[in-house]
Amino acid sequence: MTAPRVRRGGLRRDHFIDLRPLTTSPAFARMWIGSTLAGLGGQLTLVAIMLHMYELTASTFAVSMIAVAGLVPMIFAGLYGGMLADAFDRRRVALLAASVTFASTAVLMVLTWTGMESVAWLYVIAVVNSSANSVVMAARQAIVPRLIPAALLPAASALGGITMGIMVSIGPAAAGILVAFTGYGWTYTIDLVLMSALFLGLWTLPAIKPEGEIVRPGLKSLVDGWQFLRRAGNIRMQYILDITAMTFGQPLALFPAIGALLLGGGAITTGVLTAAIAVGAFFSSLLSGPVARYRWHGRGIERAIIAYGASIALFGLMLLLAAFGLFAPEVVDETSANIVMLVAACFALAGSGAADNISSIFRSTMMQSAVPDAIRGRLQGIFIVVVAGGPRVGALYAGTLATFTALWFPPLLGGFVIIGLVLFLVRLSPRFRAYDAEHPVP
């Protein structure tokens, strides 16, 4: 047997990401490219709205409420979008929802260029975008297993980590720079241009109708999905673990205040901190070869989320040290940053991004391989609600607790809470820890 080739640094070829989903399925490749570019633009707007809100209100709580305000509409949109994906052509469902996102961002762009933007409008646009994106994501994720072989699903999930890494590393950093040097109008305009790639990726797909029994959207469809989830202990446990991690370990809403008050650097620091999470996700996907071959997905999720909690606690510790003035220059404000502690905080956040991405690879693969196609859209809808809803609850936790304590306290406490809860929950579910990807059982 030929020994694997070794590259510089001792990395074998099989340590790197598996690109076969892109070469095996041109349709998947087009959707992946379109989703990556559109997601990059979406991150520009997401971070710009946060900065815009902080500029208008000077309130961390108001920034956190951007996420919270969209929580209930997003839950309904995700659930209903999943039902639509199980009843109609999934390509068409995704296209219609993407059109709503495009139109709402165009409204925000026009309002900003004409000077008519307001706190209320920022909340409305954020709610509409999050709701429409939930439908797009539910339909698109249900499409993936129909485009590539089952054996390549872990590799496809790892490519999703590359997408997230590009989106959340380049997007927020670019948003911070664009807002600082050109303003909000140009930032929203560039998002519209990038979003057009999503339509190209979806439009060129074949029609993808659900297989098996089709249940029209409505109460019966929703009840069927929930009944399946009640029987699917492994899927249910991964939802619970992800909600735990995102509720107590999501400091994103604190970043504008951290940039303005604690680490300094203003909007650029906000973008850099957000980008650090994605850099970790990007490199963990780039070196995801061993992860994609690891068959004990429940155990992998457990270990990855524990590592995530430890990284978030470390981030809180770095903020605490910065609050005590460690390595601080004479003045820390929006134009002068504590560079040493900013770099340390970024390393901790990169670790959290890497751990969360590894968990996501296992969770997505479990969803796509263990859930039957006829109900996959509804389960993906619930999955999107969990993935997108958890950070919004986390924003409320972080923003509220920071308002009454200090900016460093929510992540420091939350990291330890995550570790303790994950160890406790997984101990109650040995079946989840024994999950075998070669014999997927929901």
Protein backbone atom coordinates (compact mmCIF):
# COMPACT_ATOMS: atom_id res chain seq x y z
CA MET A 1 0.00 0.00 0.00
CA THR A 2 1.40 3.39 -0.99
CA ALA A 3 2.08 5.73 1.91
CA PRO A 4 0.16 8.99 1.81
CA ARG A 5 2.10 11.93 0.42
CA VAL A 6 3.33 14.40 2.99
CA ARG A 7 3.23 18.13 2.48
CA ARG A 8 5.27 20.78 4.21
CA GLY A 9 4.52 20.96 7.94
CA GLY A 10 3.83 17.23 8.12
CA LEU A 11 0.24 17.43 6.85
CA ARG A 12 -0.90 14.51 4.72
CA ARG A 13 -3.08 15.04 1.68
CA ASP A 14 -5.99 13.29 3.40
CA HIS A 15 -5.89 15.90 6.19
CA PHE A 16 -7.27 18.50 3.80
CA ILE A 17 -10.89 19.11 2.81
CA ASP A 18 -12.49 16.69 0.36
CA LEU A 19 -13.53 18.65 -2.77
CA ARG A 20 -15.31 15.78 -4.49
CA PRO A 21 -18.82 17.21 -3.92
CA LEU A 22 -17.85 20.15 -6.18
CA THR A 23 -16.43 17.94 -8.94
CA THR A 24 -19.07 15.19 -8.67
CA SER A 25 -22.08 17.51 -8.91
CA PRO A 26 -21.90 20.70 -11.02
CA ALA A 27 -25.36 21.65 -9.71
CA PHE A 28 -24.10 21.47 -6.12
CA ALA A 29 -21.01 23.47 -7.12
CA ARG A 30 -23.12 26.27 -8.62
CA MET A 31 -25.39 26.42 -5.57
CA TRP A 32 -22.37 26.44 -3.25
CA ILE A 33 -20.69 29.32 -5.12
CA GLY A 34 -23.92 31.32 -5.26
CA SER A 35 -24.66 30.74 -1.58
CA THR A 36 -21.13 31.75 -0.59
CA LEU A 37 -21.23 35.07 -2.46
CA ALA A 38 -24.77 35.87 -1.28
CA GLY A 39 -23.84 34.95 2.29
CA LEU A 40 -20.85 37.27 2.10
CA GLY A 41 -23.17 40.13 1.16
CA GLY A 42 -25.61 39.14 3.88
CA GLN A 43 -22.86 39.43 6.47
CA LEU A 44 -22.08 42.94 5.25
CA THR A 45 -25.65 43.96 5.97
CA LEU A 46 -25.90 42.04 9.26
CA VAL A 47 -22.86 43.76 10.76
CA ALA A 48 -23.75 47.13 9.20
CA ILE A 49 -27.22 47.02 10.80
CA MET A 50 -25.65 46.29 14.20
CA LEU A 51 -23.26 49.23 13.82
CA HIS A 52 -26.04 51.41 12.45
CA MET A 53 -28.24 50.62 15.47
CA TYR A 54 -25.41 51.32 17.92
CA GLU A 55 -24.71 54.64 16.19
CA LEU A 56 -28.37 55.66 16.46
CA THR A 57 -28.92 54.48 20.05
CA ALA A 58 -25.50 53.99 21.76
CA SER A 59 -27.17 50.96 23.43
CA THR A 60 -25.87 47.39 23.56
CA PHE A 61 -29.36 46.28 24.57
CA ALA A 62 -30.83 47.86 21.42
CA VAL A 63 -28.25 45.98 19.32
CA SER A 64 -29.11 42.69 21.03
CA MET A 65 -32.81 43.34 20.38
CA ILE A 66 -32.14 43.22 16.60
CA ALA A 67 -31.69 39.49 17.00
CA VAL A 68 -34.44 39.06 19.58
CA ALA A 69 -37.06 40.99 17.55
CA GLY A 70 -36.73 38.54 14.68
CA LEU A 71 -36.93 35.42 16.82
CA VAL A 72 -40.68 34.69 16.75
CA PRO A 73 -41.17 35.57 13.02
CA MET A 74 -38.09 33.52 12.19
CA ILE A 75 -39.47 30.51 14.07
CA PHE A 76 -42.73 30.64 12.11
CA ALA A 77 -40.87 31.21 8.83
CA GLY A 78 -38.48 28.32 9.44
CA LEU A 79 -41.25 25.90 10.36
CA TYR A 80 -43.51 26.96 7.48
CA GLY A 81 -40.57 27.02 5.06
CA GLY A 82 -39.77 23.44 6.01
CA MET A 83 -43.37 22.43 5.29
CA LEU A 84 -43.21 24.18 1.91
CA ALA A 85 -39.97 22.34 1.09
CA ASP A 86 -41.69 19.01 1.77
CA ALA A 87 -44.71 19.87 -0.39
CA PHE A 88 -43.39 21.78 -3.43
CA ASP A 89 -40.37 22.11 -5.70
CA ARG A 90 -37.59 23.01 -3.26
CA ARG A 91 -35.77 25.06 -5.88
CA ARG A 92 -38.81 27.30 -6.39
CA VAL A 93 -39.38 27.71 -2.64
CA ALA A 94 -35.77 28.87 -2.19
CA LEU A 95 -36.01 31.29 -5.13
CA LEU A 96 -39.19 32.95 -3.85
CA ALA A 97 -37.78 33.39 -0.34
CA ALA A 98 -34.52 34.78 -1.71
CA SER A 99 -36.53 37.35 -3.67
CA VAL A 100 -38.05 38.61 -0.41
CA THR A 101 -34.59 39.06 1.12
CA PHE A 102 -33.42 40.92 -1.97
CA ALA A 103 -36.41 43.28 -1.91
CA SER A 104 -36.11 44.09 1.82
CA THR A 105 -32.39 44.85 1.50
CA ALA A 106 -33.16 47.10 -1.47
CA VAL A 107 -35.64 49.04 0.71
CA LEU A 108 -32.97 49.46 3.40
CA MET A 109 -30.50 50.70 0.79
CA VAL A 110 -32.95 53.31 -0.54
CA LEU A 111 -33.88 54.50 2.96
CA THR A 112 -30.23 54.92 3.88
CA TRP A 113 -29.26 56.79 0.71
CA THR A 114 -32.21 59.16 1.19
CA GLY A 115 -31.51 59.70 4.90
CA MET A 116 -34.86 58.21 5.97
CA GLU A 117 -33.52 55.26 7.97
CA SER A 118 -34.63 54.90 11.60
CA VAL A 119 -34.43 52.51 14.52
CA ALA A 120 -37.86 51.11 13.62
CA TRP A 121 -36.87 50.50 9.99
CA LEU A 122 -33.68 48.71 11.04
CA TYR A 123 -35.73 46.36 13.21
CA VAL A 124 -38.28 45.72 10.44
CA ILE A 125 -35.64 44.93 7.79
CA ALA A 126 -33.72 42.68 10.18
CA VAL A 127 -36.92 40.72 10.96
CA VAL A 128 -37.89 40.32 7.30
CA ASN A 129 -34.39 39.25 6.27
CA SER A 130 -34.02 36.70 9.05
CA SER A 131 -37.44 35.21 8.29
CA ALA A 132 -36.87 34.93 4.53
CA ASN A 133 -33.37 33.54 5.02
CA SER A 134 -34.78 30.81 7.28
CA VAL A 135 -36.95 29.59 4.41
CA VAL A 136 -34.03 29.75 1.95
CA MET A 137 -31.79 27.76 4.27
CA ALA A 138 -34.42 25.11 5.03
CA ALA A 139 -35.09 24.50 1.33
CA ARG A 140 -31.43 24.62 0.32
CA GLN A 141 -30.26 22.20 3.01
CA ALA A 142 -33.03 19.76 2.04
CA ILE A 143 -31.78 19.96 -1.56
CA VAL A 144 -28.16 18.95 -0.83
CA PRO A 145 -28.70 15.18 -0.27
CA ARG A 146 -30.46 15.02 -3.67
CA LEU A 147 -27.43 16.42 -5.48
CA ILE A 148 -24.55 14.33 -4.10
CA PRO A 149 -24.00 10.72 -2.93
CA ALA A 150 -24.60 9.96 0.75
CA ALA A 151 -20.92 9.12 1.28
CA LEU A 152 -19.98 12.71 0.39
CA LEU A 153 -22.40 14.41 2.81
CA PRO A 154 -19.71 15.01 5.50
CA ALA A 155 -17.48 16.60 2.84
CA ALA A 156 -20.38 18.78 1.69
CA SER A 157 -20.96 19.88 5.28
CA ALA A 158 -17.27 20.76 5.56
CA LEU A 159 -17.60 22.86 2.40
CA GLY A 160 -20.41 24.63 4.23
CA GLY A 161 -17.82 25.50 6.87
CA ILE A 162 -15.64 27.02 4.15
CA THR A 163 -18.65 29.08 3.06
CA MET A 164 -19.29 30.22 6.62
CA GLY A 165 -15.62 31.01 7.10
CA ILE A 166 -15.52 33.19 3.99
CA MET A 167 -18.83 34.86 4.87
CA VAL A 168 -18.08 35.66 8.46
CA SER A 169 -14.38 36.45 8.14
CA ILE A 170 -14.37 38.65 5.07
CA GLY A 171 -17.93 39.96 5.49
CA PRO A 172 -17.73 41.57 8.96
CA ALA A 173 -14.20 42.87 8.42
CA ALA A 174 -15.27 44.38 5.10
CA ALA A 175 -18.41 45.78 6.74
CA GLY A 176 -16.37 47.50 9.42
CA ILE A 177 -14.06 49.03 6.83
CA LEU A 178 -16.88 50.02 4.46
CA VAL A 179 -18.94 51.62 7.23
CA ALA A 180 -15.90 53.47 8.57
CA PHE A 181 -14.74 54.82 5.20
CA THR A 182 -17.77 54.91 2.86
CA GLY A 183 -20.90 54.76 5.04
CA TYR A 184 -23.90 52.49 5.35
CA GLY A 185 -25.44 53.15 1.93
CA TRP A 186 -22.55 51.65 -0.04
CA THR A 187 -22.43 48.66 2.30
CA TYR A 188 -26.09 47.78 1.67
CA THR A 189 -25.64 48.39 -2.07
CA ILE A 190 -22.74 45.93 -2.32
CA ASP A 191 -24.85 43.33 -0.52
CA LEU A 192 -27.48 43.58 -3.28
CA VAL A 193 -24.85 43.01 -5.96
CA LEU A 194 -23.44 39.95 -4.21
CA MET A 195 -26.91 38.57 -3.50
CA SER A 196 -27.61 38.24 -7.22
CA ALA A 197 -25.21 35.25 -7.28
CA LEU A 198 -27.67 33.30 -5.13
CA PHE A 199 -30.31 33.54 -7.86
CA LEU A 200 -27.85 32.19 -10.43
CA GLY A 201 -26.97 29.24 -8.19
CA LEU A 202 -30.62 28.38 -7.53
CA TRP A 203 -32.03 29.16 -10.97
CA THR A 204 -29.72 26.68 -12.71
CA LEU A 205 -30.76 23.78 -10.46
CA PRO A 206 -33.14 21.13 -11.78
CA ALA A 207 -36.62 20.90 -10.24
CA ILE A 208 -36.31 19.08 -6.90
CA LYS A 209 -39.63 17.78 -5.63
CA PRO A 210 -39.81 15.82 -2.35
CA GLU A 211 -39.85 12.05 -2.54
CA GLY A 212 -42.42 9.85 -0.82
CA GLU A 213 -45.78 10.93 0.60
CA ILE A 214 -46.42 14.65 0.17
CA VAL A 215 -48.30 16.45 2.95
CA ARG A 216 -49.60 19.93 2.18
CA PRO A 217 -48.46 22.75 4.49
CA GLY A 218 -50.70 23.01 7.52
CA LEU A 219 -51.31 21.60 10.95
CA LYS A 220 -51.08 17.94 9.86
CA SER A 221 -47.71 18.55 8.21
CA LEU A 222 -46.40 20.31 11.31
CA VAL A 223 -47.70 17.58 13.63
CA ASP A 224 -46.06 14.87 11.49
CA GLY A 225 -42.73 16.66 11.77
CA TRP A 226 -42.98 17.04 15.53
CA GLN A 227 -44.04 13.40 15.97
CA PHE A 228 -41.03 12.27 13.98
CA LEU A 229 -38.78 14.47 16.13
CA ARG A 230 -40.24 12.95 19.31
CA ARG A 231 -39.15 9.52 18.06
CA ALA A 232 -35.77 10.76 16.82
CA GLY A 233 -33.77 10.92 20.04
CA ASN A 234 -30.40 11.54 18.38
CA ILE A 235 -31.68 14.44 16.27
CA ARG A 236 -33.46 15.91 19.28
CA MET A 237 -30.34 15.74 21.44
CA GLN A 238 -28.19 17.56 18.90
CA TYR A 239 -30.80 20.35 18.86
CA ILE A 240 -30.67 20.63 22.66
CA LEU A 241 -26.87 20.72 22.72
CA ASP A 242 -26.71 23.40 20.03
CA ILE A 243 -29.28 25.58 21.81
CA THR A 244 -27.23 25.26 24.98
CA ALA A 245 -24.04 26.38 23.23
CA MET A 246 -25.68 29.29 21.40
CA THR A 247 -27.68 30.56 24.39
CA PHE A 248 -24.75 30.84 26.76
CA GLY A 249 -21.88 31.25 24.31
CA GLN A 250 -22.95 33.86 21.73
CA PRO A 251 -21.22 37.22 22.47
CA LEU A 252 -21.82 38.80 19.04
CA ALA A 253 -24.21 41.47 20.36
CA LEU A 254 -21.47 42.70 22.71
CA PHE A 255 -18.95 43.41 19.95
CA PRO A 256 -19.96 47.02 19.13
CA ALA A 257 -19.69 48.01 22.80
CA ILE A 258 -16.44 46.07 23.21
CA GLY A 259 -14.99 48.00 20.26
CA ALA A 260 -16.26 51.32 21.59
CA LEU A 261 -15.57 50.94 25.32
CA LEU A 262 -13.33 48.02 26.29
CA LEU A 263 -10.83 47.06 23.57
CA GLY A 264 -11.17 50.22 21.46
CA GLY A 265 -11.07 50.41 17.69
CA GLY A 266 -14.78 51.02 17.12
CA ALA A 267 -16.37 49.52 14.01
CA ILE A 268 -13.13 47.94 12.80
CA THR A 269 -12.73 46.02 16.06
CA THR A 270 -16.34 44.81 15.75
CA GLY A 271 -15.56 43.45 12.29
CA VAL A 272 -12.26 41.89 13.37
CA LEU A 273 -13.80 40.09 16.35
CA THR A 274 -16.60 38.68 14.21
CA ALA A 275 -14.12 37.70 11.52
CA ALA A 276 -11.96 35.81 14.04
CA ILE A 277 -14.81 33.33 14.64
CA ALA A 278 -15.05 32.65 10.92
CA VAL A 279 -11.29 32.31 10.49
CA GLY A 280 -11.39 29.44 12.96
CA ALA A 281 -14.31 27.88 11.08
CA PHE A 282 -12.51 28.30 7.76
CA PHE A 283 -9.29 26.61 8.82
CA SER A 284 -11.08 23.80 10.64
CA SER A 285 -12.95 23.09 7.37
CA LEU A 286 -9.74 23.35 5.36
CA LEU A 287 -8.23 20.62 7.55
CA SER A 288 -11.46 18.63 7.85
CA GLY A 289 -10.29 15.39 6.21
CA PRO A 290 -10.07 13.42 9.48
CA VAL A 291 -13.31 15.01 10.75
CA ALA A 292 -15.26 13.89 7.66
CA ARG A 293 -14.03 10.31 8.16
CA TYR A 294 -14.85 10.14 11.90
CA ARG A 295 -17.90 7.92 12.26
CA TRP A 296 -18.91 8.54 15.91
CA HIS A 297 -20.82 11.75 15.30
CA GLY A 298 -22.56 12.02 18.68
CA ARG A 299 -19.24 11.79 20.49
CA GLY A 300 -17.77 14.32 18.07
CA ILE A 301 -20.58 16.81 18.75
CA GLU A 302 -20.09 16.44 22.51
CA ARG A 303 -16.35 17.08 22.38
CA ALA A 304 -16.65 19.95 19.91
CA ILE A 305 -19.23 21.81 22.02
CA ILE A 306 -17.15 21.36 25.17
CA ALA A 307 -14.20 22.89 23.28
CA TYR A 308 -16.54 25.70 22.19
CA GLY A 309 -17.49 26.45 25.78
CA ALA A 310 -13.84 26.51 26.84
CA SER A 311 -13.01 28.97 24.04
CA ILE A 312 -15.88 31.30 24.98
CA ALA A 313 -14.79 31.26 28.64
CA LEU A 314 -11.24 32.11 27.50
CA PHE A 315 -12.63 35.04 25.48
CA GLY A 316 -14.40 36.32 28.60
CA LEU A 317 -11.15 36.01 30.55
CA MET A 318 -9.31 38.10 27.93
CA LEU A 319 -11.98 40.80 28.24
CA LEU A 320 -11.65 40.72 32.03
CA LEU A 321 -7.88 41.25 31.77
CA ALA A 322 -8.48 44.11 29.33
CA ALA A 323 -10.93 45.66 31.80
CA PHE A 324 -8.12 45.69 34.36
CA GLY A 325 -6.00 47.63 31.85
CA LEU A 326 -3.54 44.89 30.90
CA PHE A 327 -1.41 46.06 27.93
CA ALA A 328 -3.75 49.04 27.46
CA PRO A 329 -2.44 52.20 25.76
CA GLU A 330 -2.92 55.56 27.48
CA VAL A 331 -6.24 56.07 25.71
CA VAL A 332 -8.65 53.33 24.62
CA ASP A 333 -11.42 54.65 22.38
CA GLU A 334 -12.87 54.20 18.90
CA THR A 335 -9.62 55.32 17.28
CA SER A 336 -7.11 53.67 19.63
CA ALA A 337 -7.27 49.95 20.47
CA ASN A 338 -5.61 47.64 22.98
CA ILE A 339 -3.93 45.61 20.24
CA VAL A 340 -2.42 42.89 22.46
CA MET A 341 -5.69 42.01 24.15
CA LEU A 342 -7.57 42.32 20.87
CA VAL A 343 -5.28 39.70 19.33
CA ALA A 344 -5.68 37.43 22.37
CA ALA A 345 -9.45 37.77 22.20
CA CYS A 346 -9.37 36.93 18.49
CA PHE A 347 -7.42 33.72 19.14
CA ALA A 348 -10.05 32.63 21.69
CA LEU A 349 -12.87 33.43 19.26
CA ALA A 350 -11.08 31.57 16.46
CA GLY A 351 -11.04 28.51 18.71
CA SER A 352 -14.77 28.86 19.26
CA GLY A 353 -15.37 29.15 15.51
CA ALA A 354 -13.32 26.01 14.80
CA ALA A 355 -15.12 24.01 17.49
CA ASP A 356 -18.57 25.17 16.39
CA ASN A 357 -17.80 24.32 12.77
CA ILE A 358 -16.68 20.80 13.63
CA SER A 359 -19.89 20.32 15.61
CA SER A 360 -21.84 21.69 12.63
CA ILE A 361 -20.23 19.18 10.22
CA PHE A 362 -21.39 16.29 12.40
CA ARG A 363 -24.84 17.80 13.07
CA SER A 364 -25.57 18.59 9.40
CA THR A 365 -24.44 15.15 8.24
CA MET A 366 -26.60 13.49 10.86
CA MET A 367 -29.60 15.55 9.72
CA GLN A 368 -29.11 14.82 6.03
CA SER A 369 -28.33 11.10 6.31
CA ALA A 370 -30.61 9.93 9.14
CA VAL A 371 -33.80 11.81 8.20
CA PRO A 372 -35.98 10.46 5.31
CA ASP A 373 -36.39 12.76 2.28
CA ALA A 374 -40.18 13.06 2.67
CA ILE A 375 -39.78 14.82 6.02
CA ARG A 376 -36.33 16.35 5.53
CA GLY A 377 -37.62 19.84 4.75
CA ARG A 378 -39.63 20.03 7.98
CA LEU A 379 -36.72 18.78 10.06
CA GLN A 380 -34.39 21.21 8.29
CA GLY A 381 -36.89 23.95 9.13
CA ILE A 382 -36.74 23.02 12.80
CA PHE A 383 -32.95 22.73 12.50
CA ILE A 384 -32.74 26.26 11.07
CA VAL A 385 -34.93 27.57 13.88
CA VAL A 386 -32.54 25.98 16.39
CA VAL A 387 -29.38 27.18 14.62
CA ALA A 388 -30.67 30.72 14.02
CA GLY A 389 -32.88 31.02 17.09
CA GLY A 390 -30.24 29.96 19.61
CA PRO A 391 -27.95 32.92 18.85
CA ARG A 392 -30.90 35.30 19.21
CA VAL A 393 -31.70 33.98 22.65
CA GLY A 394 -27.96 34.20 23.30
CA ALA A 395 -27.98 37.85 22.23
CA LEU A 396 -30.70 38.55 24.81
CA TYR A 397 -28.71 36.69 27.49
CA ALA A 398 -25.46 38.50 26.69
CA GLY A 399 -26.97 41.96 26.17
CA THR A 400 -29.14 41.84 29.31
CA LEU A 401 -26.46 40.40 31.58
CA ALA A 402 -23.81 42.83 30.30
CA THR A 403 -26.17 45.75 30.94
CA PHE A 404 -26.37 44.86 34.64
CA THR A 405 -22.81 43.55 35.15
CA ALA A 406 -19.88 44.01 32.75
CA LEU A 407 -19.01 43.16 29.14
CA TRP A 408 -16.67 40.35 30.15
CA PHE A 409 -19.10 38.57 32.49
CA PRO A 410 -21.59 36.90 30.06
CA PRO A 411 -18.96 34.98 28.01
CA LEU A 412 -16.89 34.02 31.06
CA LEU A 413 -19.90 32.61 32.92
CA GLY A 414 -21.51 31.19 29.77
CA GLY A 415 -18.47 29.16 28.77
CA PHE A 416 -18.45 27.25 32.05
CA VAL A 417 -22.24 26.78 31.94
CA ILE A 418 -21.92 25.20 28.46
CA ILE A 419 -19.27 22.71 29.59
CA GLY A 420 -21.28 21.65 32.63
CA LEU A 421 -24.60 21.29 30.82
CA VAL A 422 -23.15 19.33 27.89
CA LEU A 423 -21.44 16.82 30.19
CA PHE A 424 -24.69 16.41 32.12
CA LEU A 425 -27.00 16.07 29.09
CA VAL A 426 -24.85 13.60 27.16
CA ARG A 427 -24.50 11.45 30.26
CA LEU A 428 -28.31 11.09 30.16
CA SER A 429 -28.23 9.89 26.53
CA PRO A 430 -25.68 7.09 25.95
CA ARG A 431 -27.46 6.25 22.67
CA PHE A 432 -26.52 9.67 21.30
CA ARG A 433 -22.88 9.25 22.29
CA ALA A 434 -22.83 5.87 20.50
CA TYR A 435 -24.27 7.26 17.22
CA ASP A 436 -22.52 5.59 14.26
CA ALA A 437 -22.51 7.43 10.91
CA GLU A 438 -22.18 4.11 9.06
CA HIS A 439 -25.52 3.04 10.52
CA PRO A 440 -27.47 6.33 10.87
CA VAL A 441 -30.42 6.21 13.24
CA PRO A 442 -32.41 9.41 13.85
